[in-house]
Amino acid sequence: MAIGFDVGGTLGVVAPDKGFSRNNEPRVHIAEFGDGYEQRLAHGINNIKQSFSVSFANRPKDEIDDIVAFFESKKGATAFNFVFSDTNSGSNEETVKVVCESWDQTWDYDDFYSLSATFRRIYEA
């Protein structure tokens, strides 16, 4: 699959602008004892919380409308596959399940719009 996500319909796979970012935040239980001593333990099997900040700048109104309709159809609860380039994973592409709980739409000029969104990685079958 190409980089991005499939919104279906005539638009098909939508690729975000270059320069999107991934935030990684390990979840760790920390037990603190006297004299500064502490023990740490990973919280759960998939303890690294990940989020992706993506943008779609200066796109035609129809394309932005299709992306927004896709996000609205998922209602922030239904996961979808997001494919991105990752040479660290041993292949050129990695596919993860994400949900999109928030997005911002900007009216740039004429019939050109921009959209930014945050995808949160989830772990489910």
Protein backbone atom coordinates (compact mmCIF):
# COMPACT_ATOMS: atom_id res chain seq x y z
CA MET A 1 0.00 0.00 0.00
CA ALA A 2 1.16 3.52 -0.65
CA ILE A 3 2.08 5.88 2.17
CA GLY A 4 -1.01 7.42 3.76
CA PHE A 5 -4.47 5.99 4.38
CA ASP A 6 -7.39 4.89 2.21
CA VAL A 7 -10.47 7.12 2.45
CA GLY A 8 -12.21 5.09 -0.25
CA GLY A 9 -14.32 6.53 -3.05
CA THR A 10 -12.73 8.32 -5.96
CA LEU A 11 -9.98 9.85 -3.80
CA GLY A 12 -8.57 6.49 -2.64
CA VAL A 13 -5.26 6.67 -0.78
CA VAL A 14 -4.41 10.09 0.66
CA ALA A 15 -0.80 10.90 1.53
CA PRO A 16 -0.02 13.55 4.15
CA ASP A 17 2.46 16.32 3.41
CA LYS A 18 6.13 15.56 3.93
CA GLY A 19 7.49 16.44 7.32
CA PHE A 20 4.81 14.81 9.48
CA SER A 21 5.97 13.87 12.96
CA ARG A 22 5.71 10.92 15.34
CA ASN A 23 5.74 11.39 19.10
CA ASN A 24 6.78 8.45 21.33
CA GLU A 25 6.02 8.37 25.04
CA PRO A 26 6.82 5.22 27.04
CA ARG A 27 4.38 4.45 29.86
CA VAL A 28 6.33 3.36 32.92
CA HIS A 29 5.41 2.49 36.52
CA ILE A 30 7.91 4.11 38.87
CA ALA A 31 8.30 3.10 42.49
CA GLU A 32 10.31 5.70 44.41
CA PHE A 33 12.07 4.77 47.62
CA GLY A 34 14.18 6.72 50.08
CA ASP A 35 17.54 8.26 49.23
CA GLY A 36 16.56 8.74 45.57
CA TYR A 37 16.41 5.01 44.79
CA GLU A 38 13.72 3.99 42.29
CA GLN A 39 12.56 1.02 40.26
CA ARG A 40 10.92 1.25 36.84
CA LEU A 41 8.69 -1.23 35.05
CA ALA A 42 7.13 -0.99 31.59
CA HIS A 43 3.35 -0.53 31.84
CA GLY A 44 1.77 -3.26 29.72
CA ILE A 45 2.87 -5.14 26.64
CA ASN A 46 2.63 -2.21 24.22
CA ASN A 47 3.83 0.48 26.57
CA ILE A 48 4.96 3.08 24.02
CA LYS A 49 2.22 5.61 23.38
CA GLN A 50 2.58 7.00 19.84
CA SER A 51 0.89 9.84 18.03
CA PHE A 52 1.36 11.23 14.53
CA SER A 53 0.86 14.88 13.54
CA VAL A 54 -0.08 15.06 9.87
CA SER A 55 -1.07 17.90 7.57
CA PHE A 56 -2.63 18.34 4.16
CA ALA A 57 -1.80 21.86 2.97
CA ASN A 58 -3.24 23.82 0.03
CA ARG A 59 -5.44 21.03 -1.29
CA PRO A 60 -8.57 21.44 -3.40
CA LYS A 61 -11.78 21.80 -1.37
CA ASP A 62 -13.15 18.48 -2.68
CA GLU A 63 -10.12 16.58 -1.41
CA ILE A 64 -10.27 18.18 2.05
CA ASP A 65 -14.02 17.54 2.20
CA ASP A 66 -13.42 13.84 1.45
CA ILE A 67 -10.78 13.57 4.18
CA VAL A 68 -13.04 15.34 6.71
CA ALA A 69 -15.96 13.07 5.74
CA PHE A 70 -13.70 10.04 6.30
CA PHE A 71 -12.68 11.29 9.78
CA GLU A 72 -16.30 12.08 10.64
CA SER A 73 -17.40 8.60 9.54
CA LYS A 74 -14.85 7.07 11.96
CA LYS A 75 -16.17 9.32 14.79
CA GLY A 76 -12.84 9.19 16.61
CA ALA A 77 -13.57 5.60 17.66
CA THR A 78 -13.07 3.35 14.64
CA ALA A 79 -9.49 2.52 13.74
CA PHE A 80 -7.98 2.66 10.28
CA ASN A 81 -4.60 1.70 8.83
CA PHE A 82 -1.93 4.36 8.42
CA VAL A 83 1.15 3.52 6.33
CA PHE A 84 4.36 5.49 6.69
CA SER A 85 7.96 5.19 5.59
CA ASP A 86 10.19 3.72 8.30
CA THR A 87 13.62 2.37 7.43
CA ASN A 88 14.17 1.35 11.08
CA SER A 89 11.49 -1.37 10.88
CA GLY A 90 13.51 -3.45 8.41
CA SER A 91 11.30 -2.53 5.47
CA ASN A 92 10.49 0.71 3.73
CA GLU A 93 6.93 0.94 5.06
CA GLU A 94 5.22 0.27 8.36
CA THR A 95 1.46 -0.08 8.83
CA VAL A 96 -0.13 0.82 12.16
CA LYS A 97 -3.72 1.09 13.37
CA VAL A 98 -4.71 4.61 14.39
CA VAL A 99 -7.71 6.68 15.40
CA CYS A 100 -8.18 10.35 14.59
CA GLU A 101 -9.79 12.12 17.52
CA SER A 102 -9.17 15.70 16.39
CA TRP A 103 -8.50 17.68 13.23
CA ASP A 104 -8.38 21.35 12.24
CA GLN A 105 -9.53 22.72 8.92
CA THR A 106 -8.28 26.02 7.48
CA TRP A 107 -9.75 27.97 4.59
CA ASP A 108 -6.68 29.23 2.72
CA TYR A 109 -7.93 31.00 -0.41
CA ASP A 110 -10.43 30.45 -3.21
CA ASP A 111 -11.20 26.71 -3.27
CA PHE A 112 -7.99 25.64 -1.54
CA TYR A 113 -8.05 24.40 2.04
CA SER A 114 -5.65 22.92 4.56
CA LEU A 115 -6.17 20.34 7.26
CA SER A 116 -4.08 19.15 10.18
CA ALA A 117 -4.83 16.09 12.29
CA THR A 118 -3.47 13.98 15.09
CA PHE A 119 -3.52 10.20 14.82
CA ARG A 120 -3.18 8.12 17.98
CA ARG A 121 -1.76 4.63 17.55
CA ILE A 122 -3.85 1.86 19.03
CA TYR A 123 -3.13 -1.79 19.61
CA GLU A 124 -5.99 -4.11 18.66
CA ALA A 125 -6.50 -7.17 16.51
